[in-house]
Amino acid sequence: MWRDSSRNERFEQLVLPHLDAAFNLARWLTRSDTDAQDVVQEAYLRALRYFSSFHGEDARTWLLRIVRNTCYTWLRQHRNSELTSAFNEEVHSGITQEGTTPESLMLGKADRAMLLQALEQLPVEWRETLVLRELEGMPYREIAAVTDSPIGTVMSRLARARARLQEIVTNIADSSGAKEARHGM
């Protein structure tokens, strides 16, 4: 009994602080707050069940690897086509930017919408790498551990994701500019 209590306390101390990162990754991969909550709950149960296999390495990396694997398992079971389909901006609208003027608020919303629209077009492997690096601030080595990929693959995916994201954003901006010109805006 004491041993379980000690294990649970250590689990709470090491793993629970990373709940936000776990949810963030799951949300970006599942494209749904509700599904992300389910996946994170399942991932935390798995993490607790296999906590004895945790040997003091980085708890965040260890947990995010479990979350990622749980997401992929969930996606294969519930939405296999989601592994290659587009990201739905309406489902994932949790990013906010604040501005000081109505104009800056409007531009911030337009930029966010453009970025989300671009992100939804990235393959899931590129999107997860981008989220782990840019939103979670993880170094390449940790991303490699989470995704079970060589560092070179992580760097390649990140470079390709950034290049493709820039290309998509440029195309969206060009398309929006052409529409505004046609409508006299």
C-alpha atoms as a PDB file:
ATOM      1  CA  MET A   1       0.000   0.000   0.000  1.00  0.00           C
ATOM      2  CA  TRP A   2       2.740   2.449   0.968  1.00  0.00           C
ATOM      3  CA  ARG A   3       4.602   1.610  -2.217  1.00  0.00           C
ATOM      4  CA  ASP A   4       1.543   2.438  -4.386  1.00  0.00           C
ATOM      5  CA  SER A   5       1.064   5.692  -2.498  1.00  0.00           C
ATOM      6  CA  SER A   6       4.695   6.648  -3.035  1.00  0.00           C
ATOM      7  CA  ARG A   7       4.489   5.696  -6.727  1.00  0.00           C
ATOM      8  CA  ASN A   8       1.310   7.729  -7.189  1.00  0.00           C
ATOM      9  CA  GLU A   9       2.847  10.745  -5.462  1.00  0.00           C
ATOM     10  CA  ARG A  10       5.930  10.508  -7.682  1.00  0.00           C
ATOM     11  CA  PHE A  11       3.705  10.142 -10.758  1.00  0.00           C
ATOM     12  CA  GLU A  12       1.710  13.222  -9.785  1.00  0.00           C
ATOM     13  CA  GLN A  13       4.882  15.179  -9.110  1.00  0.00           C
ATOM     14  CA  LEU A  14       6.637  14.243 -12.357  1.00  0.00           C
ATOM     15  CA  VAL A  15       3.873  13.719 -14.898  1.00  0.00           C
ATOM     16  CA  LEU A  16       0.868  15.849 -13.956  1.00  0.00           C
ATOM     17  CA  PRO A  17       2.670  19.168 -14.573  1.00  0.00           C
ATOM     18  CA  HIS A  18       2.745  18.264 -18.275  1.00  0.00           C
ATOM     19  CA  LEU A  19      -1.027  17.958 -18.653  1.00  0.00           C
ATOM     20  CA  ASP A  20      -1.289  21.148 -20.734  1.00  0.00           C
ATOM     21  CA  ALA A  21       1.425  19.990 -23.152  1.00  0.00           C
ATOM     22  CA  ALA A  22      -0.242  16.588 -23.414  1.00  0.00           C
ATOM     23  CA  PHE A  23      -3.615  18.143 -24.173  1.00  0.00           C
ATOM     24  CA  ASN A  24      -2.093  20.587 -26.658  1.00  0.00           C
ATOM     25  CA  LEU A  25      -0.430  17.795 -28.644  1.00  0.00           C
ATOM     26  CA  ALA A  26      -3.557  15.624 -28.543  1.00  0.00           C
ATOM     27  CA  ARG A  27      -5.760  18.515 -29.637  1.00  0.00           C
ATOM     28  CA  TRP A  28      -3.567  19.272 -32.629  1.00  0.00           C
ATOM     29  CA  LEU A  29      -3.443  15.632 -33.647  1.00  0.00           C
ATOM     30  CA  THR A  30      -7.114  14.757 -33.096  1.00  0.00           C
ATOM     31  CA  ARG A  31      -8.448  18.177 -34.144  1.00  0.00           C
ATOM     32  CA  SER A  32     -11.041  18.086 -31.401  1.00  0.00           C
ATOM     33  CA  ASP A  33     -11.050  19.262 -27.791  1.00  0.00           C
ATOM     34  CA  THR A  34     -13.389  16.461 -26.723  1.00  0.00           C
ATOM     35  CA  ASP A  35     -11.404  13.744 -28.485  1.00  0.00           C
ATOM     36  CA  ALA A  36      -8.165  15.205 -27.124  1.00  0.00           C
ATOM     37  CA  GLN A  37      -9.557  15.004 -23.593  1.00  0.00           C
ATOM     38  CA  ASP A  38     -10.425  11.338 -24.133  1.00  0.00           C
ATOM     39  CA  VAL A  39      -7.007  10.592 -25.604  1.00  0.00           C
ATOM     40  CA  VAL A  40      -5.162  12.393 -22.804  1.00  0.00           C
ATOM     41  CA  GLN A  41      -7.189  10.549 -20.198  1.00  0.00           C
ATOM     42  CA  GLU A  42      -6.308   7.232 -21.838  1.00  0.00           C
ATOM     43  CA  ALA A  43      -2.664   8.280 -22.163  1.00  0.00           C
ATOM     44  CA  TYR A  44      -2.457   9.229 -18.481  1.00  0.00           C
ATOM     45  CA  LEU A  45      -3.967   5.881 -17.523  1.00  0.00           C
ATOM     46  CA  ARG A  46      -1.368   4.134 -19.672  1.00  0.00           C
ATOM     47  CA  ALA A  47       1.377   6.298 -18.181  1.00  0.00           C
ATOM     48  CA  LEU A  48       0.281   5.423 -14.661  1.00  0.00           C
ATOM     49  CA  ARG A  49      -0.005   1.740 -15.524  1.00  0.00           C
ATOM     50  CA  TYR A  50       3.509   1.677 -16.985  1.00  0.00           C
ATOM     51  CA  PHE A  51       5.091   4.219 -14.644  1.00  0.00           C
ATOM     52  CA  SER A  52       7.447   1.531 -13.374  1.00  0.00           C
ATOM     53  CA  SER A  53       9.117   1.640 -16.821  1.00  0.00           C
ATOM     54  CA  PHE A  54       9.948   5.332 -16.304  1.00  0.00           C
ATOM     55  CA  HIS A  55      13.562   5.490 -15.174  1.00  0.00           C
ATOM     56  CA  GLY A  56      14.142   9.159 -14.483  1.00  0.00           C
ATOM     57  CA  GLU A  57      14.522  10.435 -18.029  1.00  0.00           C
ATOM     58  CA  ASP A  58      12.630  13.579 -19.028  1.00  0.00           C
ATOM     59  CA  ALA A  59       9.029  13.080 -17.842  1.00  0.00           C
ATOM     60  CA  ARG A  60       7.587  15.448 -20.450  1.00  0.00           C
ATOM     61  CA  THR A  61       9.240  13.598 -23.316  1.00  0.00           C
ATOM     62  CA  TRP A  62       8.186  10.238 -21.886  1.00  0.00           C
ATOM     63  CA  LEU A  63       4.586  11.390 -21.439  1.00  0.00           C
ATOM     64  CA  LEU A  64       4.297  13.087 -24.841  1.00  0.00           C
ATOM     65  CA  ARG A  65       5.513   9.910 -26.495  1.00  0.00           C
ATOM     66  CA  ILE A  66       2.679   8.027 -24.763  1.00  0.00           C
ATOM     67  CA  VAL A  67       0.193  10.748 -25.767  1.00  0.00           C
ATOM     68  CA  ARG A  68       1.394  10.635 -29.370  1.00  0.00           C
ATOM     69  CA  ASN A  69       1.146   6.854 -29.546  1.00  0.00           C
ATOM     70  CA  THR A  70      -2.299   6.951 -27.925  1.00  0.00           C
ATOM     71  CA  CYS A  71      -3.407   9.586 -30.462  1.00  0.00           C
ATOM     72  CA  TYR A  72      -2.251   7.512 -33.393  1.00  0.00           C
ATOM     73  CA  THR A  73      -3.955   4.416 -31.993  1.00  0.00           C
ATOM     74  CA  TRP A  74      -7.150   6.416 -31.439  1.00  0.00           C
ATOM     75  CA  LEU A  75      -7.001   7.926 -34.941  1.00  0.00           C
ATOM     76  CA  ARG A  76      -6.531   4.496 -36.542  1.00  0.00           C
ATOM     77  CA  GLN A  77      -9.515   3.137 -34.591  1.00  0.00           C
ATOM     78  CA  HIS A  78     -11.901   6.072 -34.980  1.00  0.00           C
ATOM     79  CA  ARG A  79     -10.832   8.150 -37.955  1.00  0.00           C
ATOM     80  CA  ASN A  80      -8.234   6.364 -40.033  1.00  0.00           C
ATOM     81  CA  SER A  81      -8.682   8.881 -42.860  1.00  0.00           C
ATOM     82  CA  GLU A  82      -7.769  11.691 -40.431  1.00  0.00           C
ATOM     83  CA  LEU A  83      -4.132  10.681 -40.593  1.00  0.00           C
ATOM     84  CA  THR A  84      -3.951  12.437 -43.971  1.00  0.00           C
ATOM     85  CA  SER A  85      -6.959  14.772 -44.058  1.00  0.00           C
ATOM     86  CA  ALA A  86      -7.161  18.524 -43.541  1.00  0.00           C
ATOM     87  CA  PHE A  87      -7.262  20.313 -40.190  1.00  0.00           C
ATOM     88  CA  ASN A  88     -10.620  21.883 -39.284  1.00  0.00           C
ATOM     89  CA  GLU A  89     -10.185  25.459 -38.048  1.00  0.00           C
ATOM     90  CA  GLU A  90     -13.665  25.585 -36.505  1.00  0.00           C
ATOM     91  CA  VAL A  91     -12.907  22.587 -34.305  1.00  0.00           C
ATOM     92  CA  HIS A  92      -9.587  23.998 -33.149  1.00  0.00           C
ATOM     93  CA  SER A  93     -10.010  27.663 -32.339  1.00  0.00           C
ATOM     94  CA  GLY A  94      -8.183  27.875 -29.009  1.00  0.00           C
ATOM     95  CA  ILE A  95      -5.366  30.176 -30.127  1.00  0.00           C
ATOM     96  CA  THR A  96      -5.947  33.802 -29.233  1.00  0.00           C
ATOM     97  CA  GLN A  97      -4.047  36.980 -29.905  1.00  0.00           C
ATOM     98  CA  GLU A  98      -4.743  40.250 -28.201  1.00  0.00           C
ATOM     99  CA  GLY A  99      -4.331  43.640 -29.840  1.00  0.00           C
ATOM    100  CA  THR A 100      -4.649  47.167 -28.642  1.00  0.00           C
ATOM    101  CA  THR A 101      -6.765  48.535 -31.478  1.00  0.00           C
ATOM    102  CA  PRO A 102      -9.695  47.175 -33.470  1.00  0.00           C
ATOM    103  CA  GLU A 103      -7.468  47.126 -36.541  1.00  0.00           C
ATOM    104  CA  SER A 104      -4.777  45.066 -34.841  1.00  0.00           C
ATOM    105  CA  LEU A 105      -7.427  42.692 -33.451  1.00  0.00           C
ATOM    106  CA  MET A 106      -8.843  42.223 -36.932  1.00  0.00           C
ATOM    107  CA  LEU A 107      -5.401  41.633 -38.426  1.00  0.00           C
ATOM    108  CA  GLY A 108      -4.527  39.217 -35.620  1.00  0.00           C
ATOM    109  CA  LYS A 109      -7.699  37.221 -36.259  1.00  0.00           C
ATOM    110  CA  ALA A 110      -7.003  37.185 -39.986  1.00  0.00           C
ATOM    111  CA  ASP A 111      -3.418  36.023 -39.385  1.00  0.00           C
ATOM    112  CA  ARG A 112      -4.590  33.313 -36.973  1.00  0.00           C
ATOM    113  CA  ALA A 113      -7.237  32.115 -39.414  1.00  0.00           C
ATOM    114  CA  MET A 114      -4.673  32.061 -42.220  1.00  0.00           C
ATOM    115  CA  LEU A 115      -2.202  30.104 -40.062  1.00  0.00           C
ATOM    116  CA  LEU A 116      -4.835  27.579 -38.962  1.00  0.00           C
ATOM    117  CA  GLN A 117      -5.979  27.167 -42.549  1.00  0.00           C
ATOM    118  CA  ALA A 118      -2.372  26.526 -43.568  1.00  0.00           C
ATOM    119  CA  LEU A 119      -1.752  24.101 -40.692  1.00  0.00           C
ATOM    120  CA  GLU A 120      -4.763  22.041 -41.659  1.00  0.00           C
ATOM    121  CA  GLN A 121      -3.125  21.281 -44.968  1.00  0.00           C
ATOM    122  CA  LEU A 122       0.058  19.807 -43.460  1.00  0.00           C
ATOM    123  CA  PRO A 123       0.485  16.050 -43.102  1.00  0.00           C
ATOM    124  CA  VAL A 124       0.014  14.912 -39.495  1.00  0.00           C
ATOM    125  CA  GLU A 125       3.710  13.968 -39.076  1.00  0.00           C
ATOM    126  CA  TRP A 126       4.797  17.462 -40.109  1.00  0.00           C
ATOM    127  CA  ARG A 127       2.100  19.116 -38.002  1.00  0.00           C
ATOM    128  CA  GLU A 128       3.065  17.184 -34.863  1.00  0.00           C
ATOM    129  CA  THR A 129       6.748  18.042 -35.354  1.00  0.00           C
ATOM    130  CA  LEU A 130       5.896  21.715 -35.832  1.00  0.00           C
ATOM    131  CA  VAL A 131       3.645  21.744 -32.743  1.00  0.00           C
ATOM    132  CA  LEU A 132       6.271  20.049 -30.572  1.00  0.00           C
ATOM    133  CA  ARG A 133       9.003  22.455 -31.719  1.00  0.00           C
ATOM    134  CA  GLU A 134       7.194  25.763 -32.084  1.00  0.00           C
ATOM    135  CA  LEU A 135       4.386  25.514 -29.531  1.00  0.00           C
ATOM    136  CA  GLU A 136       5.973  23.242 -26.934  1.00  0.00           C
ATOM    137  CA  GLY A 137       9.531  24.504 -27.456  1.00  0.00           C
ATOM    138  CA  MET A 138      11.015  21.022 -27.457  1.00  0.00           C
ATOM    139  CA  PRO A 139      14.576  20.481 -28.690  1.00  0.00           C
ATOM    140  CA  TYR A 140      15.147  18.159 -31.639  1.00  0.00           C
ATOM    141  CA  ARG A 141      16.414  15.344 -29.415  1.00  0.00           C
ATOM    142  CA  GLU A 142      13.200  15.327 -27.352  1.00  0.00           C
ATOM    143  CA  ILE A 143      11.022  15.490 -30.467  1.00  0.00           C
ATOM    144  CA  ALA A 144      12.962  12.518 -31.833  1.00  0.00           C
ATOM    145  CA  ALA A 145      12.248  10.633 -28.614  1.00  0.00           C
ATOM    146  CA  VAL A 146       8.541  11.524 -28.654  1.00  0.00           C
ATOM    147  CA  THR A 147       8.054  10.596 -32.307  1.00  0.00           C
ATOM    148  CA  ASP A 148      10.458   7.644 -32.218  1.00  0.00           C
ATOM    149  CA  SER A 149      12.305   9.118 -35.204  1.00  0.00           C
ATOM    150  CA  PRO A 150      15.940   9.878 -35.901  1.00  0.00           C
ATOM    151  CA  ILE A 151      16.981  13.493 -35.294  1.00  0.00           C
ATOM    152  CA  GLY A 152      17.656  13.883 -39.019  1.00  0.00           C
ATOM    153  CA  THR A 153      14.056  12.925 -39.753  1.00  0.00           C
ATOM    154  CA  VAL A 154      12.819  15.449 -37.190  1.00  0.00           C
ATOM    155  CA  MET A 155      14.942  18.179 -38.745  1.00  0.00           C
ATOM    156  CA  SER A 156      13.785  17.209 -42.228  1.00  0.00           C
ATOM    157  CA  ARG A 157      10.108  17.145 -41.225  1.00  0.00           C
ATOM    158  CA  LEU A 158      10.453  20.495 -39.487  1.00  0.00           C
ATOM    159  CA  ALA A 159      12.177  22.095 -42.477  1.00  0.00           C
ATOM    160  CA  ARG A 160       9.601  20.689 -44.877  1.00  0.00           C
ATOM    161  CA  ALA A 161       6.725  21.703 -42.608  1.00  0.00           C
ATOM    162  CA  ARG A 162       8.023  25.264 -42.305  1.00  0.00           C
ATOM    163  CA  ALA A 163       8.624  25.557 -46.041  1.00  0.00           C
ATOM    164  CA  ARG A 164       5.211  24.117 -46.894  1.00  0.00           C
ATOM    165  CA  LEU A 165       3.533  26.293 -44.266  1.00  0.00           C
ATOM    166  CA  GLN A 166       5.167  29.391 -45.736  1.00  0.00           C
ATOM    167  CA  GLU A 167       4.112  28.344 -49.227  1.00  0.00           C
ATOM    168  CA  ILE A 168       0.520  27.724 -48.137  1.00  0.00           C
ATOM    169  CA  VAL A 169       0.296  31.012 -46.216  1.00  0.00           C
ATOM    170  CA  THR A 170       1.649  32.879 -49.257  1.00  0.00           C
ATOM    171  CA  ASN A 171      -0.923  31.196 -51.503  1.00  0.00           C
ATOM    172  CA  ILE A 172      -3.726  32.006 -49.068  1.00  0.00           C
ATOM    173  CA  ALA A 173      -2.592  35.626 -48.789  1.00  0.00           C
ATOM    174  CA  ASP A 174      -2.305  35.931 -52.575  1.00  0.00           C
ATOM    175  CA  SER A 175      -5.748  34.385 -52.977  1.00  0.00           C
ATOM    176  CA  SER A 176      -7.249  36.727 -50.373  1.00  0.00           C
ATOM    177  CA  GLY A 177      -5.635  39.731 -52.046  1.00  0.00           C
ATOM    178  CA  ALA A 178      -7.085  38.727 -55.415  1.00  0.00           C
ATOM    179  CA  LYS A 179     -10.567  38.318 -53.888  1.00  0.00           C
ATOM    180  CA  GLU A 180     -10.349  41.722 -52.191  1.00  0.00           C
ATOM    181  CA  ALA A 181      -9.257  43.347 -55.460  1.00  0.00           C
ATOM    182  CA  ARG A 182     -12.201  41.760 -57.306  1.00  0.00           C
ATOM    183  CA  HIS A 183     -14.664  42.980 -54.679  1.00  0.00           C
ATOM    184  CA  GLY A 184     -13.183  46.462 -54.430  1.00  0.00           C
ATOM    185  CA  MET A 185     -12.053  46.134 -50.807  1.00  0.00           C
END
